[in-house]
C-alpha atoms as a PDB file:
ATOM      1  CA  MET A   1      32.987   3.705  -9.383  1.00  0.00           C
ATOM      2  CA  HIS A   2      32.672   0.432  -7.460  1.00  0.00           C
ATOM      3  CA  LYS A   3      29.038  -0.470  -6.578  1.00  0.00           C
ATOM      4  CA  ARG A   4      29.825  -0.932  -2.881  1.00  0.00           C
ATOM      5  CA  THR A   5      31.367   2.558  -2.864  1.00  0.00           C
ATOM      6  CA  LEU A   6      28.257   4.009  -4.533  1.00  0.00           C
ATOM      7  CA  LEU A   7      25.925   2.526  -1.906  1.00  0.00           C
ATOM      8  CA  VAL A   8      28.012   3.843   0.980  1.00  0.00           C
ATOM      9  CA  ALA A   9      28.144   7.297  -0.620  1.00  0.00           C
ATOM     10  CA  ALA A  10      24.371   7.373  -1.136  1.00  0.00           C
ATOM     11  CA  LEU A  11      23.696   6.469   2.470  1.00  0.00           C
ATOM     12  CA  ALA A  12      26.201   9.055   3.676  1.00  0.00           C
ATOM     13  CA  THR A  13      24.360  11.720   1.685  1.00  0.00           C
ATOM     14  CA  ALA A  14      20.998  10.624   3.076  1.00  0.00           C
ATOM     15  CA  THR A  15      22.072  10.893   6.708  1.00  0.00           C
ATOM     16  CA  GLY A  16      24.543  13.712   6.262  1.00  0.00           C
ATOM     17  CA  VAL A  17      26.466  12.714   9.362  1.00  0.00           C
ATOM     18  CA  LEU A  18      28.902   9.929   8.525  1.00  0.00           C
ATOM     19  CA  GLN A  19      32.241  10.726  10.146  1.00  0.00           C
ATOM     20  CA  HIS A  20      35.694   9.250   9.501  1.00  0.00           C
ATOM     21  CA  ALA A  21      37.438   9.552  12.841  1.00  0.00           C
ATOM     22  CA  TRP A  22      35.276   7.785  15.440  1.00  0.00           C
ATOM     23  CA  ALA A  23      36.130   4.149  16.108  1.00  0.00           C
ATOM     24  CA  GLN A  24      34.669   3.072  19.434  1.00  0.00           C
ATOM     25  CA  GLY A  25      31.073   2.189  18.598  1.00  0.00           C
ATOM     26  CA  PRO A  26      27.816   3.167  20.326  1.00  0.00           C
ATOM     27  CA  GLY A  27      29.488   3.189  23.742  1.00  0.00           C
ATOM     28  CA  GLU A  28      32.615   5.302  23.293  1.00  0.00           C
ATOM     29  CA  GLY A  29      35.564   3.650  25.007  1.00  0.00           C
ATOM     30  CA  SER A  30      33.971   0.192  24.849  1.00  0.00           C
ATOM     31  CA  GLY A  31      36.736  -1.170  22.606  1.00  0.00           C
ATOM     32  CA  PRO A  32      36.369  -3.347  19.514  1.00  0.00           C
ATOM     33  CA  ALA A  33      32.911  -4.636  18.682  1.00  0.00           C
ATOM     34  CA  PRO A  34      32.068  -8.373  18.715  1.00  0.00           C
ATOM     35  CA  SER A  35      33.634 -10.537  16.034  1.00  0.00           C
ATOM     36  CA  LEU A  36      31.343 -11.307  13.106  1.00  0.00           C
ATOM     37  CA  HIS A  37      30.910 -13.382   9.993  1.00  0.00           C
ATOM     38  CA  LEU A  38      28.172 -11.886   7.825  1.00  0.00           C
ATOM     39  CA  LEU A  39      26.649 -12.452   4.426  1.00  0.00           C
ATOM     40  CA  LEU A  40      25.938  -9.036   2.891  1.00  0.00           C
ATOM     41  CA  GLN A  41      23.325  -8.960   0.147  1.00  0.00           C
ATOM     42  CA  TYR A  42      23.073  -5.786  -1.942  1.00  0.00           C
ATOM     43  CA  GLU A  43      20.270  -4.945  -4.324  1.00  0.00           C
ATOM     44  CA  SER A  44      19.420  -1.752  -6.158  1.00  0.00           C
ATOM     45  CA  ARG A  45      16.861  -0.531  -8.665  1.00  0.00           C
ATOM     46  CA  SER A  46      16.730   2.679 -10.630  1.00  0.00           C
ATOM     47  CA  ILE A  47      14.484   4.042 -13.345  1.00  0.00           C
ATOM     48  CA  GLY A  48      16.192   6.465 -15.705  1.00  0.00           C
ATOM     49  CA  GLN A  49      14.755   9.369 -17.610  1.00  0.00           C
ATOM     50  CA  ASP A  50      14.749   7.063 -20.626  1.00  0.00           C
ATOM     51  CA  GLY A  51      12.166   4.890 -18.859  1.00  0.00           C
ATOM     52  CA  VAL A  52      14.528   1.936 -18.527  1.00  0.00           C
ATOM     53  CA  GLN A  53      14.563   0.128 -15.187  1.00  0.00           C
ATOM     54  CA  ARG A  54      17.985  -1.130 -14.139  1.00  0.00           C
ATOM     55  CA  ASP A  55      18.365  -3.733 -11.421  1.00  0.00           C
ATOM     56  CA  SER A  56      21.527  -5.110  -9.862  1.00  0.00           C
ATOM     57  CA  LYS A  57      22.362  -7.592  -7.109  1.00  0.00           C
ATOM     58  CA  HIS A  58      25.556  -8.874  -5.559  1.00  0.00           C
ATOM     59  CA  THR A  59      26.647 -10.594  -2.372  1.00  0.00           C
ATOM     60  CA  ASP A  60      29.715 -10.068  -0.199  1.00  0.00           C
ATOM     61  CA  ARG A  61      31.056 -12.100   2.694  1.00  0.00           C
ATOM     62  CA  MET A  62      32.349 -10.058   5.639  1.00  0.00           C
ATOM     63  CA  PHE A  63      34.548 -11.039   8.565  1.00  0.00           C
ATOM     64  CA  ARG A  64      35.176  -8.665  11.487  1.00  0.00           C
ATOM     65  CA  GLY A  65      37.545  -9.228  14.369  1.00  0.00           C
ATOM     66  CA  GLY A  66      39.503  -6.849  16.572  1.00  0.00           C
ATOM     67  CA  ASN A  67      40.332  -3.860  14.377  1.00  0.00           C
ATOM     68  CA  GLN A  68      40.263  -5.729  11.076  1.00  0.00           C
ATOM     69  CA  VAL A  69      37.583  -6.252   8.440  1.00  0.00           C
ATOM     70  CA  TRP A  70      37.731  -8.677   5.507  1.00  0.00           C
ATOM     71  CA  ILE A  71      35.249  -8.257   2.644  1.00  0.00           C
ATOM     72  CA  GLU A  72      35.085 -10.749  -0.202  1.00  0.00           C
ATOM     73  CA  ARG A  73      32.740 -10.984  -3.176  1.00  0.00           C
ATOM     74  CA  GLN A  74      30.594 -14.127  -3.267  1.00  0.00           C
ATOM     75  CA  LEU A  75      30.641 -15.143  -6.907  1.00  0.00           C
ATOM     76  CA  PRO A  76      27.530 -16.607  -8.576  1.00  0.00           C
ATOM     77  CA  GLN A  77      27.790 -20.316  -9.294  1.00  0.00           C
ATOM     78  CA  ALA A  78      27.479 -19.723 -13.037  1.00  0.00           C
ATOM     79  CA  LEU A  79      30.577 -17.506 -12.989  1.00  0.00           C
ATOM     80  CA  ILE A  80      32.511 -20.037 -10.909  1.00  0.00           C
ATOM     81  CA  ALA A  81      31.622 -22.766 -13.395  1.00  0.00           C
ATOM     82  CA  ASP A  82      32.660 -20.539 -16.292  1.00  0.00           C
ATOM     83  CA  ARG A  83      36.091 -19.962 -14.759  1.00  0.00           C
ATOM     84  CA  GLU A  84      36.505 -23.641 -13.970  1.00  0.00           C
ATOM     85  CA  HIS A  85      36.078 -24.272 -17.690  1.00  0.00           C
ATOM     86  CA  GLY A  86      39.084 -22.072 -18.385  1.00  0.00           C
ATOM     87  CA  HIS A  87      37.354 -18.861 -19.392  1.00  0.00           C
ATOM     88  CA  LYS A  88      39.746 -16.462 -17.706  1.00  0.00           C
ATOM     89  CA  ARG A  89      39.402 -12.713 -17.478  1.00  0.00           C
ATOM     90  CA  THR A  90      41.614 -10.619 -19.695  1.00  0.00           C
ATOM     91  CA  ALA A  91      43.272  -7.359 -18.826  1.00  0.00           C
ATOM     92  CA  GLY A  92      41.449  -4.223 -19.887  1.00  0.00           C
ATOM     93  CA  PRO A  93      42.772  -2.000 -22.658  1.00  0.00           C
ATOM     94  CA  HIS A  94      42.998   1.273 -20.735  1.00  0.00           C
ATOM     95  CA  ALA A  95      46.390   2.369 -19.503  1.00  0.00           C
ATOM     96  CA  GLY A  96      46.567   3.341 -15.856  1.00  0.00           C
ATOM     97  CA  HIS A  97      43.905   0.881 -14.720  1.00  0.00           C
ATOM     98  CA  ALA A  98      44.675  -2.060 -12.448  1.00  0.00           C
ATOM     99  CA  HIS A  99      44.817  -5.474 -14.024  1.00  0.00           C
ATOM    100  CA  ASP A 100      41.592  -7.434 -13.927  1.00  0.00           C
ATOM    101  CA  GLU A 101      43.083  -9.796 -11.331  1.00  0.00           C
ATOM    102  CA  ALA A 102      42.545  -7.060  -8.734  1.00  0.00           C
ATOM    103  CA  GLN A 103      38.859  -6.562  -9.573  1.00  0.00           C
ATOM    104  CA  GLY A 104      36.678  -8.219  -6.948  1.00  0.00           C
ATOM    105  CA  ALA A 105      39.685  -9.469  -4.966  1.00  0.00           C
ATOM    106  CA  PRO A 106      39.196  -9.887  -1.192  1.00  0.00           C
ATOM    107  CA  MET A 107      39.770  -6.597   0.638  1.00  0.00           C
ATOM    108  CA  LEU A 108      41.357  -6.299   4.080  1.00  0.00           C
ATOM    109  CA  VAL A 109      40.879  -3.079   6.054  1.00  0.00           C
ATOM    110  CA  SER A 110      42.654  -2.514   9.370  1.00  0.00           C
ATOM    111  CA  ARG A 111      42.939   0.376  11.825  1.00  0.00           C
ATOM    112  CA  ASP A 112      45.787   0.905  14.270  1.00  0.00           C
ATOM    113  CA  ALA A 113      45.791   2.514  17.720  1.00  0.00           C
ATOM    114  CA  LYS A 114      46.545   5.919  16.189  1.00  0.00           C
ATOM    115  CA  GLY A 115      43.469   5.744  13.974  1.00  0.00           C
ATOM    116  CA  ASP A 116      45.391   5.194  10.744  1.00  0.00           C
ATOM    117  CA  VAL A 117      43.624   2.926   8.246  1.00  0.00           C
ATOM    118  CA  ASP A 118      45.392   0.487   5.945  1.00  0.00           C
ATOM    119  CA  VAL A 119      43.682  -1.101   2.938  1.00  0.00           C
ATOM    120  CA  SER A 120      44.982  -4.096   1.013  1.00  0.00           C
ATOM    121  CA  ILE A 121      43.681  -6.678  -1.432  1.00  0.00           C
ATOM    122  CA  VAL A 122      44.554 -10.352  -1.623  1.00  0.00           C
ATOM    123  CA  LEU A 123      45.533 -12.056  -4.869  1.00  0.00           C
ATOM    124  CA  ARG A 124      45.011 -15.677  -3.940  1.00  0.00           C
ATOM    125  CA  GLU A 125      46.274 -17.244  -7.156  1.00  0.00           C
ATOM    126  CA  GLN A 126      49.518 -15.303  -6.882  1.00  0.00           C
ATOM    127  CA  HIS A 127      49.736 -15.677  -3.075  1.00  0.00           C
ATOM    128  CA  ARG A 128      50.302 -11.938  -2.687  1.00  0.00           C
ATOM    129  CA  VAL A 129      48.889  -9.130  -0.571  1.00  0.00           C
ATOM    130  CA  ILE A 130      48.733  -5.753  -2.325  1.00  0.00           C
ATOM    131  CA  ASP A 131      48.806  -2.546  -0.281  1.00  0.00           C
ATOM    132  CA  VAL A 132      46.455   0.056  -1.748  1.00  0.00           C
ATOM    133  CA  GLU A 133      47.396   3.714  -1.572  1.00  0.00           C
ATOM    134  CA  ARG A 134      44.741   6.233  -0.541  1.00  0.00           C
ATOM    135  CA  ALA A 135      44.272   7.545  -4.081  1.00  0.00           C
ATOM    136  CA  HIS A 136      43.311   4.095  -5.405  1.00  0.00           C
ATOM    137  CA  ARG A 137      41.162   2.747  -2.559  1.00  0.00           C
ATOM    138  CA  GLY A 138      37.891   3.589  -4.276  1.00  0.00           C
ATOM    139  CA  ASN A 139      38.919   1.298  -7.126  1.00  0.00           C
ATOM    140  CA  VAL A 140      38.913  -1.742  -4.838  1.00  0.00           C
ATOM    141  CA  GLY A 141      35.602  -0.960  -3.108  1.00  0.00           C
ATOM    142  CA  TYR A 142      36.710   1.019  -0.046  1.00  0.00           C
ATOM    143  CA  GLY A 143      34.445   4.037   0.334  1.00  0.00           C
ATOM    144  CA  GLY A 144      36.775   6.018   2.597  1.00  0.00           C
ATOM    145  CA  SER A 145      34.933   5.429   5.883  1.00  0.00           C
ATOM    146  CA  TRP A 146      36.361   3.000   8.436  1.00  0.00           C
ATOM    147  CA  GLU A 147      33.068   3.160  10.334  1.00  0.00           C
ATOM    148  CA  ALA A 148      31.009   2.135   7.299  1.00  0.00           C
ATOM    149  CA  ALA A 149      33.348  -0.803   6.728  1.00  0.00           C
ATOM    150  CA  TYR A 150      33.404  -1.892  10.386  1.00  0.00           C
ATOM    151  CA  TRP A 151      29.753  -1.399  11.427  1.00  0.00           C
ATOM    152  CA  LEU A 152      28.249  -1.136   7.913  1.00  0.00           C
ATOM    153  CA  ILE A 153      27.100   2.338   8.913  1.00  0.00           C
ATOM    154  CA  ASP A 154      28.681   4.837  11.297  1.00  0.00           C
ATOM    155  CA  PRO A 155      26.839   4.408  14.634  1.00  0.00           C
ATOM    156  CA  LYS A 156      27.020   8.185  15.099  1.00  0.00           C
ATOM    157  CA  ALA A 157      24.622   8.508  12.167  1.00  0.00           C
ATOM    158  CA  LEU A 158      21.966   6.824  14.281  1.00  0.00           C
ATOM    159  CA  GLN A 159      22.017   9.758  16.685  1.00  0.00           C
ATOM    160  CA  ARG A 160      20.584  11.957  13.930  1.00  0.00           C
ATOM    161  CA  MET A 161      17.847   9.478  13.055  1.00  0.00           C
ATOM    162  CA  ASP A 162      14.493   8.795  14.710  1.00  0.00           C
ATOM    163  CA  ALA A 163      14.358   5.618  16.795  1.00  0.00           C
ATOM    164  CA  LEU A 164      11.125   3.771  16.009  1.00  0.00           C
ATOM    165  CA  ASN A 165       9.654   2.186  19.143  1.00  0.00           C
ATOM    166  CA  SER A 166      11.806   0.094  21.496  1.00  0.00           C
ATOM    167  CA  PRO A 167      14.269  -2.611  20.445  1.00  0.00           C
ATOM    168  CA  HIS A 168      12.478  -5.784  19.310  1.00  0.00           C
ATOM    169  CA  LYS A 169      14.282  -9.138  19.332  1.00  0.00           C
ATOM    170  CA  GLY A 170      17.595  -7.368  19.720  1.00  0.00           C
ATOM    171  CA  VAL A 171      17.054  -4.942  16.841  1.00  0.00           C
ATOM    172  CA  GLN A 172      16.454  -1.191  17.003  1.00  0.00           C
ATOM    173  CA  ARG A 173      14.972   0.417  13.902  1.00  0.00           C
ATOM    174  CA  TYR A 174      15.923   3.953  12.902  1.00  0.00           C
ATOM    175  CA  ARG A 175      14.610   6.225  10.179  1.00  0.00           C
ATOM    176  CA  VAL A 176      15.512   9.566   8.665  1.00  0.00           C
ATOM    177  CA  LYS A 177      13.162  11.156   6.132  1.00  0.00           C
ATOM    178  CA  THR A 178      13.386  14.253   4.008  1.00  0.00           C
ATOM    179  CA  ALA A 179      11.170  15.577   1.236  1.00  0.00           C
ATOM    180  CA  GLU A 180      13.048  13.539  -1.361  1.00  0.00           C
ATOM    181  CA  ARG A 181      14.409  10.441   0.348  1.00  0.00           C
ATOM    182  CA  THR A 182      14.030   8.013   3.236  1.00  0.00           C
ATOM    183  CA  THR A 183      16.686   5.878   4.899  1.00  0.00           C
ATOM    184  CA  GLU A 184      15.911   3.080   7.374  1.00  0.00           C
ATOM    185  CA  VAL A 185      18.405   1.122   9.459  1.00  0.00           C
ATOM    186  CA  ASP A 186      17.857  -2.041  11.519  1.00  0.00           C
ATOM    187  CA  TRP A 187      20.632  -1.965  14.121  1.00  0.00           C
ATOM    188  CA  ASP A 188      21.692  -5.176  15.903  1.00  0.00           C
ATOM    189  CA  VAL A 189      22.197  -3.938  19.456  1.00  0.00           C
ATOM    190  CA  ALA A 190      24.323  -6.836  20.750  1.00  0.00           C
ATOM    191  CA  GLY A 191      26.292  -7.492  17.575  1.00  0.00           C
ATOM    192  CA  GLN A 192      26.832  -3.774  16.856  1.00  0.00           C
ATOM    193  CA  TYR A 193      26.190  -3.802  13.122  1.00  0.00           C
ATOM    194  CA  ALA A 194      23.455  -2.821  10.696  1.00  0.00           C
ATOM    195  CA  ARG A 195      21.288  -5.811   9.791  1.00  0.00           C
ATOM    196  CA  ARG A 196      19.516  -3.780   7.122  1.00  0.00           C
ATOM    197  CA  ILE A 197      20.124  -0.433   5.439  1.00  0.00           C
ATOM    198  CA  GLU A 198      17.447   0.708   3.018  1.00  0.00           C
ATOM    199  CA  HIS A 199      17.429   3.881   0.971  1.00  0.00           C
ATOM    200  CA  ARG A 200      14.625   4.984  -1.342  1.00  0.00           C
ATOM    201  CA  ASP A 201      13.549   8.166  -3.035  1.00  0.00           C
ATOM    202  CA  ALA A 202      10.129   9.777  -2.718  1.00  0.00           C
ATOM    203  CA  HIS A 203       9.037   8.997  -6.276  1.00  0.00           C
ATOM    204  CA  GLY A 204       9.882   5.307  -6.578  1.00  0.00           C
ATOM    205  CA  LEU A 205      12.686   5.956  -9.061  1.00  0.00           C
ATOM    206  CA  SER A 206      15.549   4.574  -6.970  1.00  0.00           C
ATOM    207  CA  PHE A 207      15.905   1.960  -4.271  1.00  0.00           C
ATOM    208  CA  GLN A 208      18.923   0.441  -2.500  1.00  0.00           C
ATOM    209  CA  ARG A 209      19.049  -2.197   0.192  1.00  0.00           C
ATOM    210  CA  MET A 210      21.796  -3.973   2.104  1.00  0.00           C
ATOM    211  CA  THR A 211      20.842  -6.972   4.239  1.00  0.00           C
ATOM    212  CA  ALA A 212      23.345  -8.576   6.633  1.00  0.00           C
ATOM    213  CA  THR A 213      22.799 -12.161   7.818  1.00  0.00           C
ATOM    214  CA  ALA A 214      24.945 -13.716  10.546  1.00  0.00           C
ATOM    215  CA  GLN A 215      26.907 -16.841   9.584  1.00  0.00           C
ATOM    216  CA  THR A 216      28.876 -19.463  11.514  1.00  0.00           C
ATOM    217  CA  MET A 217      32.222 -18.128  12.667  1.00  0.00           C
ATOM    218  CA  PRO A 218      35.243 -19.783  11.015  1.00  0.00           C
ATOM    219  CA  ALA A 219      37.877 -21.631  12.999  1.00  0.00           C
ATOM    220  CA  VAL A 220      40.486 -19.248  11.574  1.00  0.00           C
ATOM    221  CA  MET A 221      39.904 -15.713  10.324  1.00  0.00           C
ATOM    222  CA  PRO A 222      40.861 -15.272   6.648  1.00  0.00           C
ATOM    223  CA  TRP A 223      43.583 -12.681   7.304  1.00  0.00           C
ATOM    224  CA  THR A 224      45.460 -15.252   9.390  1.00  0.00           C
ATOM    225  CA  GLU A 225      45.747 -17.533   6.370  1.00  0.00           C
ATOM    226  CA  VAL A 226      47.459 -14.827   4.280  1.00  0.00           C
ATOM    227  CA  ALA A 227      49.648 -13.348   7.003  1.00  0.00           C
ATOM    228  CA  ASN A 228      52.831 -14.770   5.458  1.00  0.00           C
ATOM    229  CA  TYR A 229      52.052 -13.807   1.855  1.00  0.00           C
ATOM    230  CA  PRO A 230      54.634 -11.479   0.289  1.00  0.00           C
ATOM    231  CA  ARG A 231      53.431  -7.892  -0.106  1.00  0.00           C
ATOM    232  CA  GLY A 232      53.354  -5.583  -3.078  1.00  0.00           C
ATOM    233  CA  ASP A 233      52.088  -2.123  -4.065  1.00  0.00           C
ATOM    234  CA  TYR A 234      48.951  -1.339  -6.031  1.00  0.00           C
ATOM    235  CA  SER A 235      51.055   0.649  -8.474  1.00  0.00           C
ATOM    236  CA  ASP A 236      52.612  -2.658  -9.525  1.00  0.00           C
ATOM    237  CA  LEU A 237      49.243  -3.648 -11.006  1.00  0.00           C
ATOM    238  CA  LEU A 238      48.836  -0.542 -13.146  1.00  0.00           C
ATOM    239  CA  ASP A 239      49.372  -0.811 -16.888  1.00  0.00           C
END
């Protein structure tokens, strides 16, 4: 399963209250949240029963505007240099899996007035936009929750968490703790997004953190640049 999907699922389990149908934000009826350009840094650590510690890190770039969200993997410079030297990815050997060109491709998630969610990925080299059917959305990093994609955590989850003190410098901290795990959220009150989501177990065997840092807004949102790309179906990418 995609790492972004795993993190969202873990946080949903910790709070137990992520919903899939609410799309107005902390003030219901307030309309779309402010537009954003964020750098999302993910890190996780786990210690297995074999005593091996496994660490992973990756960074995504997120754009939010209106009822659309664009999420794109920020590749390490070493990988960029490797590709510039002609070391291209090759398709995997397993039938039924999408070609490697779809792995890590920018993802566009949109929600219409009826509440229906569309998910697509962008193949820049081919100048194509691929619509992703519900059954395959987990393969491209969509965890199934519009709220988690739009606000990084469903704001309704905060209602089941303890607010720690008053907002400080525009951020309200929340926490939920059980016997086995603790989740903390730093919520940006004005921007309406989670600046930090941290999940850890009670024994120090697992730890996950997402940190969101605001970036300069672009002159043009990325989905505008691909609006005229021809469209295809995800099934076209299957072996």
